Amino acid sequence: MLDDFMVRASLAGIGVAFAAAPLGCFVVWRRMAYFGDATAHAAILGVALSLAFSMSIFVGTMTVALLMALTVSVLSGRGYAMDTLLGVLAHSALAFGLVAVSFISGVRIDLMAYLFGDILAVSRGDLFVIWSGAAVVVTLIGFRWSALLTATLNEDLAYASGINPKGEQLVLTLALAITVAVAIKVVGVLLIAALLIIPAAAARPLSRTPEGMAIAAGIIGMLSTIVGLRAAFVLDTPAGPSIVCISALTFLATSVLRGFRPQR
């Protein structure tokens, strides 16, 4: 069955959506959209370092994404405006990554595949990495779900409950780094943040509980993957961007639905 590239692509996209759904909800709740974008942009520097030192792309991108997220967390409390800090770090990391790739000799690299993804070229080994990473992310967030919700709702309440909000932030940072590392093959650096944010945002009007929103985001992400791949096949469009476009249309539909819902 896995010899069919469309089946492998679908499984890869579903795996990424599975990981991105609960994490994306926290990104939306905490208004961390730019934080996720900065972490994703740093992944291209991880790709360059992985090629330079002949190590796994997954390890390189996850390491750099984690370092970027930790750097933002440390510097955010030292007088820097968050939007300025994220803008500087995100674009700097992307620029340094692109420059670093140009210095690597003897290695042929399809840079567009890392920028926009190449889900149709996913291999069995990639599937193992994607689903292993997704399982780790879901397990990590599921294990800390209550603590993460409390820390997201109110830091003072978290402290009163014996929860360290900064520790929970590190949990999200680690989950985000893993998700970026496994998603880069599917949708690429420039679209990872979209896959995190849009399904969660689309699920918000449909949900009454945090758990319901996470489940709805996962369903929307998975359906967007399947429909987006089908649309790309029929219309001969790029697969990764097509998936994000379907997610965006879903967000538009749920937003319109929310506008017609009677106010209470």
Protein backbone atom coordinates (compact mmCIF):
# COMPACT_ATOMS: atom_id res chain seq x y z
CA MET A 1 0.00 0.00 0.00
CA LEU A 2 2.83 2.40 0.85
CA ASP A 3 4.18 2.07 -2.69
CA ASP A 4 1.52 4.59 -3.75
CA PHE A 5 3.04 8.06 -3.33
CA MET A 6 -0.37 9.63 -2.77
CA VAL A 7 -1.03 7.28 0.14
CA ARG A 8 2.34 8.15 1.67
CA ALA A 9 1.65 11.85 1.15
CA SER A 10 -1.78 11.54 2.80
CA LEU A 11 -0.36 9.66 5.78
CA ALA A 12 2.40 12.25 6.16
CA GLY A 13 -0.05 15.16 6.06
CA ILE A 14 -2.39 13.47 8.52
CA GLY A 15 0.54 12.83 10.87
CA VAL A 16 1.56 16.48 10.82
CA ALA A 17 -2.06 17.59 11.33
CA PHE A 18 -2.30 15.17 14.25
CA ALA A 19 0.67 16.85 15.94
CA ALA A 20 -0.21 20.40 14.96
CA ALA A 21 -3.83 20.34 16.19
CA PRO A 22 -3.39 20.47 19.98
CA LEU A 23 -0.24 22.57 19.73
CA GLY A 24 -1.92 24.99 17.34
CA CYS A 25 -4.72 25.53 19.85
CA PHE A 26 -2.23 26.71 22.46
CA VAL A 27 -0.52 28.89 19.84
CA VAL A 28 -3.89 30.56 19.17
CA TRP A 29 -4.89 30.85 22.83
CA ARG A 30 -1.53 32.33 23.84
CA ARG A 31 -1.32 34.54 20.74
CA MET A 32 2.00 32.93 19.79
CA ALA A 33 1.51 33.07 16.01
CA TYR A 34 4.68 35.06 15.39
CA PHE A 35 6.56 32.89 17.87
CA GLY A 36 5.70 29.81 15.80
CA ASP A 37 6.62 31.63 12.61
CA ALA A 38 10.05 32.61 13.97
CA THR A 39 10.73 29.04 15.09
CA ALA A 40 9.75 27.72 11.66
CA HIS A 41 11.95 30.24 9.84
CA ALA A 42 14.93 29.11 11.90
CA ALA A 43 14.50 25.58 10.55
CA ILE A 44 16.18 26.48 7.24
CA LEU A 45 19.36 27.26 9.20
CA GLY A 46 19.00 23.80 10.72
CA VAL A 47 18.81 22.31 7.24
CA ALA A 48 22.05 24.07 6.27
CA LEU A 49 23.85 22.85 9.40
CA SER A 50 22.57 19.31 8.87
CA LEU A 51 23.97 19.24 5.34
CA ALA A 52 27.26 20.83 6.40
CA PHE A 53 27.86 18.28 9.17
CA SER A 54 26.26 15.31 7.38
CA MET A 55 23.67 14.65 10.06
CA SER A 56 19.92 14.02 10.07
CA ILE A 57 17.77 16.86 8.76
CA PHE A 58 15.30 16.10 11.54
CA VAL A 59 17.94 16.47 14.26
CA GLY A 60 19.39 19.65 12.76
CA THR A 61 16.07 21.42 12.26
CA MET A 62 14.74 20.41 15.67
CA THR A 63 17.91 21.58 17.42
CA VAL A 64 17.95 24.99 15.74
CA ALA A 65 14.18 25.43 16.14
CA LEU A 66 14.52 24.65 19.84
CA LEU A 67 17.43 27.07 20.23
CA MET A 68 15.44 29.78 18.46
CA ALA A 69 12.43 29.23 20.71
CA LEU A 70 14.59 29.29 23.85
CA THR A 71 16.36 32.45 22.66
CA VAL A 72 13.04 34.21 22.18
CA SER A 73 11.89 33.07 25.62
CA VAL A 74 15.04 34.40 27.29
CA LEU A 75 15.24 37.74 25.46
CA SER A 76 11.52 38.51 25.72
CA GLY A 77 11.89 39.49 29.36
CA ARG A 78 14.82 41.86 28.87
CA GLY A 79 13.20 44.99 27.52
CA TYR A 80 12.70 43.94 23.89
CA ALA A 81 9.29 44.41 22.29
CA MET A 82 8.08 40.92 21.36
CA ASP A 83 7.00 41.75 17.79
CA THR A 84 10.33 43.48 17.08
CA LEU A 85 12.34 40.66 18.61
CA LEU A 86 10.49 37.99 16.65
CA GLY A 87 10.83 39.96 13.41
CA VAL A 88 14.58 40.36 13.84
CA LEU A 89 15.23 36.73 14.82
CA ALA A 90 12.90 35.15 12.28
CA HIS A 91 14.20 36.95 9.22
CA SER A 92 17.80 36.84 10.40
CA ALA A 93 17.68 33.07 10.90
CA LEU A 94 16.07 32.57 7.48
CA ALA A 95 18.63 34.82 5.78
CA PHE A 96 21.61 33.18 7.50
CA GLY A 97 20.22 29.77 6.61
CA LEU A 98 19.86 30.65 2.92
CA VAL A 99 23.38 32.13 2.84
CA ALA A 100 24.80 29.08 4.63
CA VAL A 101 23.21 26.74 2.09
CA SER A 102 24.96 28.61 -0.73
CA PHE A 103 28.36 27.85 0.84
CA ILE A 104 27.81 24.10 0.96
CA SER A 105 29.66 22.55 -1.96
CA GLY A 106 29.17 19.11 -3.37
CA VAL A 107 25.59 18.86 -2.10
CA ARG A 108 22.60 19.21 -4.37
CA ILE A 109 19.63 20.65 -2.53
CA ASP A 110 16.17 21.60 -3.72
CA LEU A 111 15.71 24.72 -1.64
CA MET A 112 12.12 25.16 -2.80
CA ALA A 113 11.27 21.79 -1.26
CA TYR A 114 12.38 23.04 2.16
CA LEU A 115 10.73 26.42 1.76
CA PHE A 116 7.35 25.18 0.50
CA GLY A 117 7.48 21.46 1.22
CA ASP A 118 7.59 18.37 -0.98
CA ILE A 119 4.94 16.11 0.50
CA LEU A 120 4.71 14.00 -2.66
CA ALA A 121 8.32 12.88 -2.17
CA VAL A 122 7.78 11.52 1.36
CA SER A 123 9.43 8.13 1.88
CA ARG A 124 8.68 5.32 4.32
CA GLY A 125 11.51 6.55 6.52
CA ASP A 126 10.00 10.05 6.51
CA LEU A 127 6.66 8.57 7.56
CA PHE A 128 8.29 6.88 10.53
CA VAL A 129 9.91 10.16 11.62
CA ILE A 130 6.70 12.16 11.13
CA TRP A 131 4.47 9.78 13.04
CA SER A 132 7.05 9.23 15.79
CA GLY A 133 7.38 12.99 16.25
CA ALA A 134 3.59 13.41 16.18
CA ALA A 135 3.19 10.73 18.85
CA VAL A 136 5.76 12.45 21.08
CA VAL A 137 4.06 15.85 20.69
CA VAL A 138 0.55 14.55 21.40
CA THR A 139 1.77 12.51 24.37
CA LEU A 140 3.71 15.46 25.78
CA ILE A 141 0.79 17.89 25.46
CA GLY A 142 -1.74 15.31 26.64
CA PHE A 143 0.31 14.56 29.75
CA ARG A 144 0.57 18.29 30.61
CA TRP A 145 -2.87 19.31 29.30
CA SER A 146 -4.39 20.54 32.57
CA ALA A 147 -1.25 22.37 33.63
CA LEU A 148 -0.88 23.97 30.22
CA LEU A 149 -4.50 25.13 30.24
CA THR A 150 -4.14 26.62 33.71
CA ALA A 151 -0.92 28.43 32.79
CA THR A 152 -2.55 29.72 29.61
CA LEU A 153 -5.66 30.91 31.41
CA ASN A 154 -3.94 32.82 34.21
CA GLU A 155 -0.35 32.80 35.43
CA ASP A 156 -1.34 33.83 38.97
CA LEU A 157 -3.82 30.96 39.12
CA ALA A 158 -1.08 28.64 37.88
CA TYR A 159 1.32 29.73 40.63
CA ALA A 160 -1.44 29.31 43.21
CA SER A 161 -2.01 25.78 41.91
CA GLY A 162 1.68 24.92 42.22
CA ILE A 163 2.30 25.12 38.47
CA ASN A 164 5.32 26.89 37.00
CA PRO A 165 4.14 28.82 33.89
CA LYS A 166 7.70 29.08 32.55
CA GLY A 167 8.06 25.32 32.80
CA GLU A 168 4.86 24.87 30.82
CA GLN A 169 6.20 27.36 28.26
CA LEU A 170 9.24 25.10 27.85
CA VAL A 171 6.92 22.15 27.20
CA LEU A 172 5.24 24.09 24.40
CA THR A 173 8.64 25.19 23.09
CA LEU A 174 9.85 21.59 22.87
CA ALA A 175 6.60 20.46 21.21
CA LEU A 176 6.85 23.32 18.72
CA ALA A 177 10.44 22.43 17.81
CA ILE A 178 9.49 18.79 17.20
CA THR A 179 6.48 19.78 15.10
CA VAL A 180 8.58 22.13 12.96
CA ALA A 181 11.15 19.38 12.42
CA VAL A 182 8.58 16.83 11.24
CA ALA A 183 6.50 19.30 9.21
CA ILE A 184 9.31 20.80 7.14
CA LYS A 185 9.17 17.88 4.67
CA VAL A 186 5.42 18.24 4.24
CA VAL A 187 4.63 21.96 3.94
CA GLY A 188 8.04 23.62 4.19
CA VAL A 189 9.40 26.40 6.36
CA LEU A 190 7.18 29.17 5.03
CA LEU A 191 3.89 27.31 5.54
CA ILE A 192 4.45 25.50 8.85
CA ALA A 193 3.00 28.34 10.92
CA ALA A 194 -0.08 28.36 8.68
CA LEU A 195 -0.67 24.66 9.32
CA LEU A 196 -0.38 25.30 13.05
CA ILE A 197 -2.64 28.33 13.24
CA ILE A 198 -5.34 28.06 10.56
CA PRO A 199 -6.97 24.71 11.54
CA ALA A 200 -7.03 25.79 15.20
CA ALA A 201 -8.51 29.18 14.29
CA ALA A 202 -11.09 27.49 12.05
CA ALA A 203 -12.05 25.12 14.87
CA ARG A 204 -12.60 27.87 17.43
CA PRO A 205 -16.13 28.91 16.32
CA LEU A 206 -17.19 25.24 16.27
CA SER A 207 -16.07 24.38 19.80
CA ARG A 208 -17.40 24.89 23.29
CA THR A 209 -14.51 23.34 25.23
CA PRO A 210 -10.69 23.37 24.85
CA GLU A 211 -10.70 19.62 24.25
CA GLY A 212 -13.40 20.00 21.61
CA MET A 213 -11.37 22.68 19.86
CA ALA A 214 -8.27 20.45 19.76
CA ILE A 215 -10.29 17.56 18.31
CA ALA A 216 -12.00 19.82 15.76
CA ALA A 217 -8.64 21.32 14.75
CA GLY A 218 -7.25 17.84 14.18
CA ILE A 219 -10.23 16.85 12.01
CA ILE A 220 -9.98 20.08 9.99
CA GLY A 221 -6.24 19.60 9.52
CA MET A 222 -6.63 16.00 8.36
CA LEU A 223 -9.50 16.80 5.99
CA SER A 224 -7.55 19.77 4.61
CA THR A 225 -4.66 17.42 3.88
CA ILE A 226 -6.79 14.91 2.00
CA VAL A 227 -8.82 17.49 0.07
CA GLY A 228 -5.75 19.65 -0.60
CA LEU A 229 -3.82 16.70 -2.03
CA ARG A 230 -6.76 15.75 -4.23
CA ALA A 231 -7.08 19.34 -5.46
CA ALA A 232 -3.34 19.49 -6.18
CA PHE A 233 -3.58 16.26 -8.19
CA VAL A 234 -6.58 17.42 -10.22
CA LEU A 235 -5.53 21.06 -10.72
CA ASP A 236 -1.77 20.39 -10.99
CA THR A 237 -0.95 22.86 -8.20
CA PRO A 238 1.74 22.70 -5.47
CA ALA A 239 0.64 20.20 -2.82
CA GLY A 240 1.76 21.99 0.36
CA PRO A 241 0.23 25.38 -0.50
CA SER A 242 -2.93 23.62 -1.72
CA ILE A 243 -3.37 22.04 1.72
CA VAL A 244 -2.99 25.44 3.39
CA CYS A 245 -5.47 26.98 0.92
CA ILE A 246 -8.10 24.40 1.86
CA SER A 247 -7.46 25.16 5.54
CA ALA A 248 -7.89 28.88 4.81
CA LEU A 249 -11.19 28.26 3.00
CA THR A 250 -12.36 26.22 5.98
CA PHE A 251 -11.47 29.09 8.29
CA LEU A 252 -13.47 31.44 6.07
CA ALA A 253 -16.45 29.08 6.14
CA THR A 254 -16.44 28.70 9.93
CA SER A 255 -16.04 32.47 10.35
CA VAL A 256 -19.09 33.08 8.16
CA LEU A 257 -20.99 30.41 10.09
CA ARG A 258 -20.07 32.14 13.32
CA GLY A 259 -21.44 35.41 11.97
CA PHE A 260 -24.84 33.83 11.31
CA ARG A 261 -24.98 32.08 14.70
CA PRO A 262 -27.46 33.80 17.05
CA GLN A 263 -25.84 35.75 19.88
CA ARG A 264 -26.61 34.72 23.45
